[in-house]
């Protein structure tokens, strides 16, 4: 039998039963729900993220939305965020139209650039 030693395991929901037997019972298991793609931890919602991972994103940590993320919200079908979602107040209404699960929303103040 092959066994792996790690503190954390990120695995797709459909692969959990096959993967669990290969790891120590103390492993911290993060299951990516069916249909989602792992997009990383502490990421910003931007065009390149959607192009790379698709329209159903699983974020293991916080997700940041900046004013230039507005167009990306129209491209996203579903979001699953293990942590907090940080966004500017101007994006709140558009964000609430997305099928999303998250820990909490954090209002970021919009920064004026001069």
PDB file of N, CA and C in Angstrom:
ATOM      1  N   UNK A   1       0.829  -1.199   0.000  1.00  0.00           N
ATOM      2  CA  UNK A   1       0.000   0.000   0.000  1.00  0.00           C
ATOM      3  C   UNK A   1       0.866   1.253   0.000  1.00  0.00           C
ATOM      4  N   UNK A   2       0.446   2.236  -0.766  1.00  0.00           N
ATOM      5  CA  UNK A   2       1.136   3.517  -0.807  1.00  0.00           C
ATOM      6  C   UNK A   2       0.431   4.472   0.134  1.00  0.00           C
ATOM      7  N   UNK A   3       1.205   5.209   0.955  1.00  0.00           N
ATOM      8  CA  UNK A   3       0.644   6.203   1.878  1.00  0.00           C
ATOM      9  C   UNK A   3       1.425   7.495   1.719  1.00  0.00           C
ATOM     10  N   UNK A   4       0.711   8.602   1.778  1.00  0.00           N
ATOM     11  CA  UNK A   4       1.335   9.916   1.675  1.00  0.00           C
ATOM     12  C   UNK A   4       1.178  10.628   3.006  1.00  0.00           C
ATOM     13  N   UNK A   5       2.179  11.431   3.349  1.00  0.00           N
ATOM     14  CA  UNK A   5       2.150  12.186   4.594  1.00  0.00           C
ATOM     15  C   UNK A   5       2.105  13.668   4.255  1.00  0.00           C
ATOM     16  N   UNK A   6       1.008  14.317   4.639  1.00  0.00           N
ATOM     17  CA  UNK A   6       0.833  15.745   4.412  1.00  0.00           C
ATOM     18  C   UNK A   6      -0.134  16.283   5.455  1.00  0.00           C
ATOM     19  N   UNK A   7      -0.072  17.579   5.698  1.00  0.00           N
ATOM     20  CA  UNK A   7      -1.004  18.172   6.664  1.00  0.00           C
ATOM     21  C   UNK A   7      -2.353  18.467   6.018  1.00  0.00           C
ATOM     22  N   UNK A   8      -2.341  18.843   4.736  1.00  0.00           N
ATOM     23  CA  UNK A   8      -3.577  19.212   4.052  1.00  0.00           C
ATOM     24  C   UNK A   8      -3.703  18.476   2.733  1.00  0.00           C
ATOM     25  N   UNK A   9      -4.945  18.182   2.392  1.00  0.00           N
ATOM     26  CA  UNK A   9      -5.240  17.532   1.126  1.00  0.00           C
ATOM     27  C   UNK A   9      -6.419  18.249   0.480  1.00  0.00           C
ATOM     28  N   UNK A  10      -6.222  18.715  -0.745  1.00  0.00           N
ATOM     29  CA  UNK A  10      -7.293  19.318  -1.532  1.00  0.00           C
ATOM     30  C   UNK A  10      -7.655  18.300  -2.596  1.00  0.00           C
ATOM     31  N   UNK A  11      -8.923  17.877  -2.594  1.00  0.00           N
ATOM     32  CA  UNK A  11      -9.341  16.808  -3.494  1.00  0.00           C
ATOM     33  C   UNK A  11     -10.751  17.079  -4.023  1.00  0.00           C
ATOM     34  N   UNK A  12     -10.983  16.688  -5.267  1.00  0.00           N
ATOM     35  CA  UNK A  12     -12.314  16.838  -5.848  1.00  0.00           C
ATOM     36  C   UNK A  12     -13.283  15.879  -5.157  1.00  0.00           C
ATOM     37  N   UNK A  13     -14.513  16.310  -5.017  1.00  0.00           N
ATOM     38  CA  UNK A  13     -15.541  15.514  -4.351  1.00  0.00           C
ATOM     39  C   UNK A  13     -15.635  14.109  -4.938  1.00  0.00           C
ATOM     40  N   UNK A  14     -15.566  14.003  -6.261  1.00  0.00           N
ATOM     41  CA  UNK A  14     -15.699  12.700  -6.903  1.00  0.00           C
ATOM     42  C   UNK A  14     -14.496  11.781  -6.671  1.00  0.00           C
ATOM     43  N   UNK A  15     -13.387  12.307  -6.149  1.00  0.00           N
ATOM     44  CA  UNK A  15     -12.193  11.502  -5.902  1.00  0.00           C
ATOM     45  C   UNK A  15     -11.923  11.218  -4.427  1.00  0.00           C
ATOM     46  N   UNK A  16     -12.782  11.698  -3.544  1.00  0.00           N
ATOM     47  CA  UNK A  16     -12.548  11.564  -2.103  1.00  0.00           C
ATOM     48  C   UNK A  16     -12.379  10.111  -1.681  1.00  0.00           C
ATOM     49  N   UNK A  17     -13.272   9.235  -2.079  1.00  0.00           N
ATOM     50  CA  UNK A  17     -13.210   7.844  -1.614  1.00  0.00           C
ATOM     51  C   UNK A  17     -11.919   7.156  -2.051  1.00  0.00           C
ATOM     52  N   UNK A  18     -11.424   7.476  -3.236  1.00  0.00           N
ATOM     53  CA  UNK A  18     -10.167   6.883  -3.702  1.00  0.00           C
ATOM     54  C   UNK A  18      -8.959   7.465  -2.974  1.00  0.00           C
ATOM     55  N   UNK A  19      -9.007   8.740  -2.665  1.00  0.00           N
ATOM     56  CA  UNK A  19      -7.842   9.432  -2.098  1.00  0.00           C
ATOM     57  C   UNK A  19      -7.674   9.242  -0.595  1.00  0.00           C
ATOM     58  N   UNK A  20      -8.762   9.180   0.139  1.00  0.00           N
ATOM     59  CA  UNK A  20      -8.693   9.166   1.602  1.00  0.00           C
ATOM     60  C   UNK A  20      -7.849   8.021   2.146  1.00  0.00           C
ATOM     61  N   UNK A  21      -7.929   6.865   1.559  1.00  0.00           N
ATOM     62  CA  UNK A  21      -7.176   5.713   2.043  1.00  0.00           C
ATOM     63  C   UNK A  21      -5.665   5.837   1.883  1.00  0.00           C
ATOM     64  N   UNK A  22      -5.216   6.801   1.103  1.00  0.00           N
ATOM     65  CA  UNK A  22      -3.777   6.974   0.877  1.00  0.00           C
ATOM     66  C   UNK A  22      -3.134   7.972   1.836  1.00  0.00           C
ATOM     67  N   UNK A  23      -3.934   8.554   2.750  1.00  0.00           N
ATOM     68  CA  UNK A  23      -3.417   9.590   3.632  1.00  0.00           C
ATOM     69  C   UNK A  23      -3.701   9.263   5.088  1.00  0.00           C
ATOM     70  N   UNK A  24      -2.890   9.815   5.958  1.00  0.00           N
ATOM     71  CA  UNK A  24      -3.024   9.685   7.401  1.00  0.00           C
ATOM     72  C   UNK A  24      -4.380  10.232   7.836  1.00  0.00           C
ATOM     73  N   UNK A  25      -4.959   9.652   8.871  1.00  0.00           N
ATOM     74  CA  UNK A  25      -6.282  10.097   9.338  1.00  0.00           C
ATOM     75  C   UNK A  25      -6.267  11.506   9.928  1.00  0.00           C
ATOM     76  N   UNK A  26      -5.090  12.071  10.175  1.00  0.00           N
ATOM     77  CA  UNK A  26      -4.981  13.419  10.723  1.00  0.00           C
ATOM     78  C   UNK A  26      -4.913  14.502   9.649  1.00  0.00           C
ATOM     79  N   UNK A  27      -5.002  14.134   8.383  1.00  0.00           N
ATOM     80  CA  UNK A  27      -4.904  15.103   7.302  1.00  0.00           C
ATOM     81  C   UNK A  27      -6.120  16.039   7.329  1.00  0.00           C
ATOM     82  N   UNK A  28      -5.864  17.321   7.085  1.00  0.00           N
ATOM     83  CA  UNK A  28      -6.941  18.307   6.980  1.00  0.00           C
ATOM     84  C   UNK A  28      -7.467  18.234   5.550  1.00  0.00           C
ATOM     85  N   UNK A  29      -8.692  17.793   5.406  1.00  0.00           N
ATOM     86  CA  UNK A  29      -9.273  17.521   4.097  1.00  0.00           C
ATOM     87  C   UNK A  29     -10.093  18.702   3.596  1.00  0.00           C
ATOM     88  N   UNK A  30      -9.794  19.173   2.382  1.00  0.00           N
ATOM     89  CA  UNK A  30     -10.554  20.226   1.712  1.00  0.00           C
ATOM     90  C   UNK A  30     -11.157  19.599   0.460  1.00  0.00           C
ATOM     91  N   UNK A  31     -12.479  19.491   0.453  1.00  0.00           N
ATOM     92  CA  UNK A  31     -13.165  18.840  -0.657  1.00  0.00           C
ATOM     93  C   UNK A  31     -13.716  19.901  -1.605  1.00  0.00           C
ATOM     94  N   UNK A  32     -13.309  19.815  -2.864  1.00  0.00           N
ATOM     95  CA  UNK A  32     -13.811  20.721  -3.891  1.00  0.00           C
ATOM     96  C   UNK A  32     -15.142  20.160  -4.380  1.00  0.00           C
ATOM     97  N   UNK A  33     -16.223  20.920  -4.215  1.00  0.00           N
ATOM     98  CA  UNK A  33     -17.539  20.415  -4.635  1.00  0.00           C
ATOM     99  C   UNK A  33     -17.568  20.067  -6.119  1.00  0.00           C
ATOM    100  N   UNK A  34     -18.396  19.105  -6.453  1.00  0.00           N
ATOM    101  CA  UNK A  34     -18.556  18.643  -7.839  1.00  0.00           C
ATOM    102  C   UNK A  34     -18.875  19.832  -8.752  1.00  0.00           C
ATOM    103  N   UNK A  35     -18.174  19.901  -9.871  1.00  0.00           N
ATOM    104  CA  UNK A  35     -18.405  20.956 -10.846  1.00  0.00           C
ATOM    105  C   UNK A  35     -17.533  22.184 -10.685  1.00  0.00           C
ATOM    106  N   UNK A  36     -16.807  22.276  -9.573  1.00  0.00           N
ATOM    107  CA  UNK A  36     -15.931  23.417  -9.327  1.00  0.00           C
ATOM    108  C   UNK A  36     -14.487  23.071  -9.662  1.00  0.00           C
ATOM    109  N   UNK A  37     -13.683  24.104  -9.910  1.00  0.00           N
ATOM    110  CA  UNK A  37     -12.257  23.936 -10.182  1.00  0.00           C
ATOM    111  C   UNK A  37     -11.479  24.735  -9.137  1.00  0.00           C
ATOM    112  N   UNK A  38     -10.447  24.115  -8.577  1.00  0.00           N
ATOM    113  CA  UNK A  38      -9.600  24.773  -7.573  1.00  0.00           C
ATOM    114  C   UNK A  38      -8.853  25.937  -8.216  1.00  0.00           C
ATOM    115  N   UNK A  39      -9.038  27.137  -7.659  1.00  0.00           N
ATOM    116  CA  UNK A  39      -8.427  28.348  -8.225  1.00  0.00           C
ATOM    117  C   UNK A  39      -7.351  28.939  -7.339  1.00  0.00           C
ATOM    118  N   UNK A  40      -7.029  28.285  -6.232  1.00  0.00           N
ATOM    119  CA  UNK A  40      -5.965  28.781  -5.368  1.00  0.00           C
ATOM    120  C   UNK A  40      -6.500  29.400  -4.099  1.00  0.00           C
ATOM    121  N   UNK A  41      -5.593  30.077  -3.391  1.00  0.00           N
ATOM    122  CA  UNK A  41      -5.902  30.696  -2.115  1.00  0.00           C
ATOM    123  C   UNK A  41      -5.486  32.159  -2.161  1.00  0.00           C
ATOM    124  N   UNK A  42      -6.319  33.015  -1.612  1.00  0.00           N
ATOM    125  CA  UNK A  42      -5.982  34.424  -1.590  1.00  0.00           C
ATOM    126  C   UNK A  42      -5.850  35.015  -2.981  1.00  0.00           C
ATOM    127  N   UNK A  43      -6.860  34.823  -3.824  1.00  0.00           N
ATOM    128  CA  UNK A  43      -6.782  35.265  -5.218  1.00  0.00           C
ATOM    129  C   UNK A  43      -7.678  36.472  -5.463  1.00  0.00           C
ATOM    130  N   UNK A  44      -7.415  37.146  -6.579  1.00  0.00           N
ATOM    131  CA  UNK A  44      -8.219  38.280  -7.033  1.00  0.00           C
ATOM    132  C   UNK A  44      -9.064  37.808  -8.210  1.00  0.00           C
ATOM    133  N   UNK A  45     -10.335  38.195  -8.214  1.00  0.00           N
ATOM    134  CA  UNK A  45     -11.194  37.848  -9.338  1.00  0.00           C
ATOM    135  C   UNK A  45     -10.830  38.742 -10.509  1.00  0.00           C
ATOM    136  N   UNK A  46     -10.241  38.119 -11.522  1.00  0.00           N
ATOM    137  CA  UNK A  46      -9.820  38.846 -12.715  1.00  0.00           C
ATOM    138  C   UNK A  46      -9.954  37.935 -13.922  1.00  0.00           C
ATOM    139  N   UNK A  47      -9.889  38.549 -15.086  1.00  0.00           N
ATOM    140  CA  UNK A  47     -10.079  37.848 -16.349  1.00  0.00           C
ATOM    141  C   UNK A  47      -9.157  36.632 -16.481  1.00  0.00           C
ATOM    142  N   UNK A  48      -7.906  36.793 -16.118  1.00  0.00           N
ATOM    143  CA  UNK A  48      -6.941  35.689 -16.265  1.00  0.00           C
ATOM    144  C   UNK A  48      -7.300  34.494 -15.387  1.00  0.00           C
ATOM    145  N   UNK A  49      -7.880  34.732 -14.222  1.00  0.00           N
ATOM    146  CA  UNK A  49      -8.295  33.647 -13.328  1.00  0.00           C
ATOM    147  C   UNK A  49      -9.410  32.828 -13.978  1.00  0.00           C
ATOM    148  N   UNK A  50     -10.374  33.516 -14.583  1.00  0.00           N
ATOM    149  CA  UNK A  50     -11.488  32.829 -15.234  1.00  0.00           C
ATOM    150  C   UNK A  50     -11.023  32.095 -16.487  1.00  0.00           C
ATOM    151  N   UNK A  51     -10.134  32.715 -17.244  1.00  0.00           N
ATOM    152  CA  UNK A  51      -9.604  32.049 -18.441  1.00  0.00           C
ATOM    153  C   UNK A  51      -8.841  30.778 -18.080  1.00  0.00           C
ATOM    154  N   UNK A  52      -8.132  30.813 -16.974  1.00  0.00           N
ATOM    155  CA  UNK A  52      -7.316  29.665 -16.574  1.00  0.00           C
ATOM    156  C   UNK A  52      -8.152  28.547 -15.941  1.00  0.00           C
ATOM    157  N   UNK A  53      -9.131  28.908 -15.085  1.00  0.00           N
ATOM    158  CA  UNK A  53      -9.841  27.895 -14.299  1.00  0.00           C
ATOM    159  C   UNK A  53     -11.311  27.692 -14.658  1.00  0.00           C
ATOM    160  N   UNK A  54     -11.889  28.601 -15.419  1.00  0.00           N
ATOM    161  CA  UNK A  54     -13.283  28.434 -15.808  1.00  0.00           C
ATOM    162  C   UNK A  54     -14.243  29.289 -15.016  1.00  0.00           C
ATOM    163  N   UNK A  55     -15.535  28.966 -15.152  1.00  0.00           N
ATOM    164  CA  UNK A  55     -16.597  29.812 -14.617  1.00  0.00           C
ATOM    165  C   UNK A  55     -17.163  29.355 -13.270  1.00  0.00           C
ATOM    166  N   UNK A  56     -16.719  28.211 -12.764  1.00  0.00           N
ATOM    167  CA  UNK A  56     -17.143  27.696 -11.452  1.00  0.00           C
ATOM    168  C   UNK A  56     -15.893  27.512 -10.612  1.00  0.00           C
ATOM    169  N   UNK A  57     -15.636  28.456  -9.715  1.00  0.00           N
ATOM    170  CA  UNK A  57     -14.362  28.527  -9.011  1.00  0.00           C
ATOM    171  C   UNK A  57     -14.478  28.175  -7.530  1.00  0.00           C
ATOM    172  N   UNK A  58     -13.526  27.373  -7.053  1.00  0.00           N
ATOM    173  CA  UNK A  58     -13.379  27.059  -5.634  1.00  0.00           C
ATOM    174  C   UNK A  58     -12.122  27.776  -5.158  1.00  0.00           C
ATOM    175  N   UNK A  59     -12.282  28.675  -4.182  1.00  0.00           N
ATOM    176  CA  UNK A  59     -11.156  29.434  -3.647  1.00  0.00           C
ATOM    177  C   UNK A  59     -10.912  28.984  -2.221  1.00  0.00           C
ATOM    178  N   UNK A  60      -9.719  28.491  -1.964  1.00  0.00           N
ATOM    179  CA  UNK A  60      -9.326  27.989  -0.650  1.00  0.00           C
ATOM    180  C   UNK A  60      -8.683  29.140   0.131  1.00  0.00           C
ATOM    181  N   UNK A  61      -9.518  30.029   0.647  1.00  0.00           N
ATOM    182  CA  UNK A  61      -9.026  31.219   1.338  1.00  0.00           C
ATOM    183  C   UNK A  61      -9.865  32.407   0.921  1.00  0.00           C
ATOM    184  N   UNK A  62      -9.253  33.593   0.938  1.00  0.00           N
ATOM    185  CA  UNK A  62      -9.989  34.815   0.619  1.00  0.00           C
ATOM    186  C   UNK A  62     -10.007  35.098  -0.878  1.00  0.00           C
ATOM    187  N   UNK A  63     -11.060  35.783  -1.304  1.00  0.00           N
ATOM    188  CA  UNK A  63     -11.206  36.242  -2.683  1.00  0.00           C
ATOM    189  C   UNK A  63     -11.364  37.751  -2.642  1.00  0.00           C
ATOM    190  N   UNK A  64     -10.605  38.453  -3.476  1.00  0.00           N
ATOM    191  CA  UNK A  64     -10.680  39.908  -3.544  1.00  0.00           C
ATOM    192  C   UNK A  64     -11.289  40.337  -4.866  1.00  0.00           C
ATOM    193  N   UNK A  65     -12.234  41.264  -4.784  1.00  0.00           N
ATOM    194  CA  UNK A  65     -12.834  41.877  -5.966  1.00  0.00           C
ATOM    195  C   UNK A  65     -12.511  43.361  -5.919  1.00  0.00           C
ATOM    196  N   UNK A  66     -11.891  43.846  -6.964  1.00  0.00           N
ATOM    197  CA  UNK A  66     -11.555  45.256  -7.071  1.00  0.00           C
ATOM    198  C   UNK A  66     -12.456  45.867  -8.132  1.00  0.00           C
ATOM    199  N   UNK A  67     -12.498  47.193  -8.248  1.00  0.00           N
ATOM    200  CA  UNK A  67     -13.397  47.806  -9.239  1.00  0.00           C
ATOM    201  C   UNK A  67     -13.281  47.203 -10.636  1.00  0.00           C
ATOM    202  N   UNK A  68     -12.083  46.804 -11.040  1.00  0.00           N
ATOM    203  CA  UNK A  68     -11.922  46.210 -12.373  1.00  0.00           C
ATOM    204  C   UNK A  68     -12.396  44.755 -12.439  1.00  0.00           C
ATOM    205  N   UNK A  69     -12.906  44.222 -11.336  1.00  0.00           N
ATOM    206  CA  UNK A  69     -13.461  42.863 -11.313  1.00  0.00           C
ATOM    207  C   UNK A  69     -14.916  42.823 -11.767  1.00  0.00           C
ATOM    208  N   UNK A  70     -15.534  43.975 -11.961  1.00  0.00           N
ATOM    209  CA  UNK A  70     -16.961  44.043 -12.295  1.00  0.00           C
ATOM    210  C   UNK A  70     -17.305  43.218 -13.534  1.00  0.00           C
ATOM    211  N   UNK A  71     -16.523  43.335 -14.587  1.00  0.00           N
ATOM    212  CA  UNK A  71     -16.795  42.582 -15.816  1.00  0.00           C
ATOM    213  C   UNK A  71     -16.682  41.077 -15.590  1.00  0.00           C
ATOM    214  N   UNK A  72     -15.830  40.672 -14.686  1.00  0.00           N
ATOM    215  CA  UNK A  72     -15.635  39.248 -14.397  1.00  0.00           C
ATOM    216  C   UNK A  72     -16.856  38.633 -13.716  1.00  0.00           C
ATOM    217  N   UNK A  73     -17.576  39.424 -12.955  1.00  0.00           N
ATOM    218  CA  UNK A  73     -18.751  38.899 -12.273  1.00  0.00           C
ATOM    219  C   UNK A  73     -19.791  38.389 -13.263  1.00  0.00           C
ATOM    220  N   UNK A  74     -19.854  38.987 -14.431  1.00  0.00           N
ATOM    221  CA  UNK A  74     -20.792  38.526 -15.460  1.00  0.00           C
ATOM    222  C   UNK A  74     -20.359  37.210 -16.083  1.00  0.00           C
ATOM    223  N   UNK A  75     -19.086  36.870 -15.972  1.00  0.00           N
ATOM    224  CA  UNK A  75     -18.567  35.633 -16.556  1.00  0.00           C
ATOM    225  C   UNK A  75     -18.643  34.447 -15.598  1.00  0.00           C
ATOM    226  N   UNK A  76     -18.742  34.721 -14.309  1.00  0.00           N
ATOM    227  CA  UNK A  76     -18.726  33.672 -13.292  1.00  0.00           C
ATOM    228  C   UNK A  76     -20.111  33.062 -13.139  1.00  0.00           C
ATOM    229  N   UNK A  77     -20.172  31.726 -13.124  1.00  0.00           N
ATOM    230  CA  UNK A  77     -21.438  31.033 -12.882  1.00  0.00           C
ATOM    231  C   UNK A  77     -21.635  30.763 -11.400  1.00  0.00           C
ATOM    232  N   UNK A  78     -20.569  30.222 -10.761  1.00  0.00           N
ATOM    233  CA  UNK A  78     -20.652  29.876  -9.339  1.00  0.00           C
ATOM    234  C   UNK A  78     -19.301  30.081  -8.678  1.00  0.00           C
ATOM    235  N   UNK A  79     -19.362  30.499  -7.395  1.00  0.00           N
ATOM    236  CA  UNK A  79     -18.153  30.671  -6.587  1.00  0.00           C
ATOM    237  C   UNK A  79     -18.333  29.949  -5.257  1.00  0.00           C
ATOM    238  N   UNK A  80     -17.281  29.297  -4.806  1.00  0.00           N
ATOM    239  CA  UNK A  80     -17.260  28.699  -3.482  1.00  0.00           C
ATOM    240  C   UNK A  80     -15.987  29.205  -2.828  1.00  0.00           C
ATOM    241  N   UNK A  81     -16.138  30.047  -1.808  1.00  0.00           N
ATOM    242  CA  UNK A  81     -14.992  30.694  -1.172  1.00  0.00           C
ATOM    243  C   UNK A  81     -14.910  30.223   0.273  1.00  0.00           C
ATOM    244  N   UNK A  82     -13.816  29.545   0.622  1.00  0.00           N
ATOM    245  CA  UNK A  82     -13.635  29.043   1.992  1.00  0.00           C
ATOM    246  C   UNK A  82     -13.426  30.170   2.992  1.00  0.00           C
ATOM    247  N   UNK A  83     -12.956  31.296   2.529  1.00  0.00           N
ATOM    248  CA  UNK A  83     -12.661  32.417   3.422  1.00  0.00           C
ATOM    249  C   UNK A  83     -13.604  33.583   3.205  1.00  0.00           C
ATOM    250  N   UNK A  84     -13.034  34.767   3.294  1.00  0.00           N
ATOM    251  CA  UNK A  84     -13.791  36.004   3.162  1.00  0.00           C
ATOM    252  C   UNK A  84     -13.753  36.522   1.731  1.00  0.00           C
ATOM    253  N   UNK A  85     -14.787  37.264   1.382  1.00  0.00           N
ATOM    254  CA  UNK A  85     -14.814  37.956   0.105  1.00  0.00           C
ATOM    255  C   UNK A  85     -14.627  39.439   0.408  1.00  0.00           C
ATOM    256  N   UNK A  86     -13.588  40.011  -0.172  1.00  0.00           N
ATOM    257  CA  UNK A  86     -13.298  41.434   0.008  1.00  0.00           C
ATOM    258  C   UNK A  86     -13.701  42.155  -1.268  1.00  0.00           C
ATOM    259  N   UNK A  87     -14.599  43.135  -1.130  1.00  0.00           N
ATOM    260  CA  UNK A  87     -15.055  43.849  -2.306  1.00  0.00           C
ATOM    261  C   UNK A  87     -15.421  45.281  -1.960  1.00  0.00           C
ATOM    262  N   UNK A  88     -15.430  46.118  -2.976  1.00  0.00           N
ATOM    263  CA  UNK A  88     -15.843  47.497  -2.793  1.00  0.00           C
ATOM    264  C   UNK A  88     -17.364  47.556  -2.801  1.00  0.00           C
ATOM    265  N   UNK A  89     -17.895  48.522  -2.121  1.00  0.00           N
ATOM    266  CA  UNK A  89     -19.349  48.660  -1.995  1.00  0.00           C
ATOM    267  C   UNK A  89     -20.029  48.739  -3.363  1.00  0.00           C
ATOM    268  N   UNK A  90     -19.359  49.326  -4.341  1.00  0.00           N
ATOM    269  CA  UNK A  90     -19.957  49.480  -5.671  1.00  0.00           C
ATOM    270  C   UNK A  90     -20.197  48.138  -6.376  1.00  0.00           C
ATOM    271  N   UNK A  91     -19.545  47.068  -5.923  1.00  0.00           N
ATOM    272  CA  UNK A  91     -19.715  45.750  -6.555  1.00  0.00           C
ATOM    273  C   UNK A  91     -20.709  44.845  -5.825  1.00  0.00           C
ATOM    274  N   UNK A  92     -21.203  45.295  -4.684  1.00  0.00           N
ATOM    275  CA  UNK A  92     -22.055  44.444  -3.853  1.00  0.00           C
ATOM    276  C   UNK A  92     -23.284  43.938  -4.591  1.00  0.00           C
ATOM    277  N   UNK A  93     -23.987  44.804  -5.273  1.00  0.00           N
ATOM    278  CA  UNK A  93     -25.216  44.390  -5.962  1.00  0.00           C
ATOM    279  C   UNK A  93     -24.932  43.360  -7.054  1.00  0.00           C
ATOM    280  N   UNK A  94     -23.913  43.591  -7.863  1.00  0.00           N
ATOM    281  CA  UNK A  94     -23.558  42.622  -8.908  1.00  0.00           C
ATOM    282  C   UNK A  94     -23.094  41.307  -8.299  1.00  0.00           C
ATOM    283  N   UNK A  95     -22.335  41.380  -7.215  1.00  0.00           N
ATOM    284  CA  UNK A  95     -21.831  40.185  -6.554  1.00  0.00           C
ATOM    285  C   UNK A  95     -22.980  39.317  -6.036  1.00  0.00           C
ATOM    286  N   UNK A  96     -24.010  39.944  -5.503  1.00  0.00           N
ATOM    287  CA  UNK A  96     -25.128  39.197  -4.924  1.00  0.00           C
ATOM    288  C   UNK A  96     -25.956  38.458  -5.978  1.00  0.00           C
ATOM    289  N   UNK A  97     -25.755  38.744  -7.256  1.00  0.00           N
ATOM    290  CA  UNK A  97     -26.452  38.033  -8.334  1.00  0.00           C
ATOM    291  C   UNK A  97     -25.777  36.699  -8.672  1.00  0.00           C
ATOM    292  N   UNK A  98     -24.557  36.518  -8.213  1.00  0.00           N
ATOM    293  CA  UNK A  98     -23.789  35.305  -8.500  1.00  0.00           C
ATOM    294  C   UNK A  98     -24.162  34.222  -7.487  1.00  0.00           C
ATOM    295  N   UNK A  99     -24.213  32.970  -7.935  1.00  0.00           N
ATOM    296  CA  UNK A  99     -24.423  31.822  -7.051  1.00  0.00           C
ATOM    297  C   UNK A  99     -23.121  31.620  -6.287  1.00  0.00           C
ATOM    298  N   UNK A 100     -23.104  32.024  -5.012  1.00  0.00           N
ATOM    299  CA  UNK A 100     -21.848  32.038  -4.265  1.00  0.00           C
ATOM    300  C   UNK A 100     -22.049  31.592  -2.825  1.00  0.00           C
ATOM    301  N   UNK A 101     -21.049  30.874  -2.304  1.00  0.00           N
ATOM    302  CA  UNK A 101     -20.984  30.506  -0.891  1.00  0.00           C
ATOM    303  C   UNK A 101     -19.687  31.090  -0.358  1.00  0.00           C
ATOM    304  N   UNK A 102     -19.732  31.702   0.830  1.00  0.00           N
ATOM    305  CA  UNK A 102     -18.544  32.332   1.407  1.00  0.00           C
ATOM    306  C   UNK A 102     -18.721  32.450   2.912  1.00  0.00           C
ATOM    307  N   UNK A 103     -17.620  32.761   3.583  1.00  0.00           N
ATOM    308  CA  UNK A 103     -17.633  32.907   5.039  1.00  0.00           C
ATOM    309  C   UNK A 103     -18.241  34.250   5.429  1.00  0.00           C
ATOM    310  N   UNK A 104     -17.699  35.349   4.883  1.00  0.00           N
ATOM    311  CA  UNK A 104     -18.225  36.682   5.174  1.00  0.00           C
ATOM    312  C   UNK A 104     -17.780  37.670   4.109  1.00  0.00           C
ATOM    313  N   UNK A 105     -18.519  38.779   4.027  1.00  0.00           N
ATOM    314  CA  UNK A 105     -18.171  39.863   3.111  1.00  0.00           C
ATOM    315  C   UNK A 105     -17.444  40.945   3.889  1.00  0.00           C
ATOM    316  N   UNK A 106     -16.374  41.440   3.307  1.00  0.00           N
ATOM    317  CA  UNK A 106     -15.623  42.528   3.924  1.00  0.00           C
ATOM    318  C   UNK A 106     -15.598  43.687   2.943  1.00  0.00           C
ATOM    319  N   UNK A 107     -16.081  44.828   3.399  1.00  0.00           N
ATOM    320  CA  UNK A 107     -16.148  46.027   2.558  1.00  0.00           C
ATOM    321  C   UNK A 107     -14.764  46.666   2.479  1.00  0.00           C
ATOM    322  N   UNK A 108     -14.246  46.748   1.274  1.00  0.00           N
ATOM    323  CA  UNK A 108     -12.977  47.434   1.039  1.00  0.00           C
ATOM    324  C   UNK A 108     -13.304  48.848   0.606  1.00  0.00           C
ATOM    325  N   UNK A 109     -12.636  49.793   1.151  1.00  0.00           N
ATOM    326  CA  UNK A 109     -12.840  51.174   0.714  1.00  0.00           C
ATOM    327  C   UNK A 109     -12.194  51.382  -0.636  1.00  0.00           C
ATOM    328  N   UNK A 110     -12.908  52.058  -1.487  1.00  0.00           N
ATOM    329  CA  UNK A 110     -12.358  52.337  -2.808  1.00  0.00           C
ATOM    330  C   UNK A 110     -11.253  53.381  -2.666  1.00  0.00           C
ATOM    331  N   UNK A 111     -10.125  53.090  -3.284  1.00  0.00           N
ATOM    332  CA  UNK A 111      -8.976  53.972  -3.187  1.00  0.00           C
ATOM    333  C   UNK A 111      -8.961  54.896  -4.401  1.00  0.00           C
ATOM    334  N   UNK A 112      -8.876  56.157  -4.144  1.00  0.00           N
ATOM    335  CA  UNK A 112      -8.798  57.134  -5.241  1.00  0.00           C
ATOM    336  C   UNK A 112      -7.353  57.246  -5.693  1.00  0.00           C
ATOM    337  N   UNK A 113      -7.133  57.074  -6.972  1.00  0.00           N
ATOM    338  CA  UNK A 113      -5.784  57.202  -7.523  1.00  0.00           C
ATOM    339  C   UNK A 113      -5.665  58.563  -8.169  1.00  0.00           C
ATOM    340  N   UNK A 114      -4.588  59.246  -7.882  1.00  0.00           N
ATOM    341  CA  UNK A 114      -4.387  60.582  -8.450  1.00  0.00           C
ATOM    342  C   UNK A 114      -3.225  60.578  -9.402  1.00  0.00           C
TER     343      UNK A 114
END
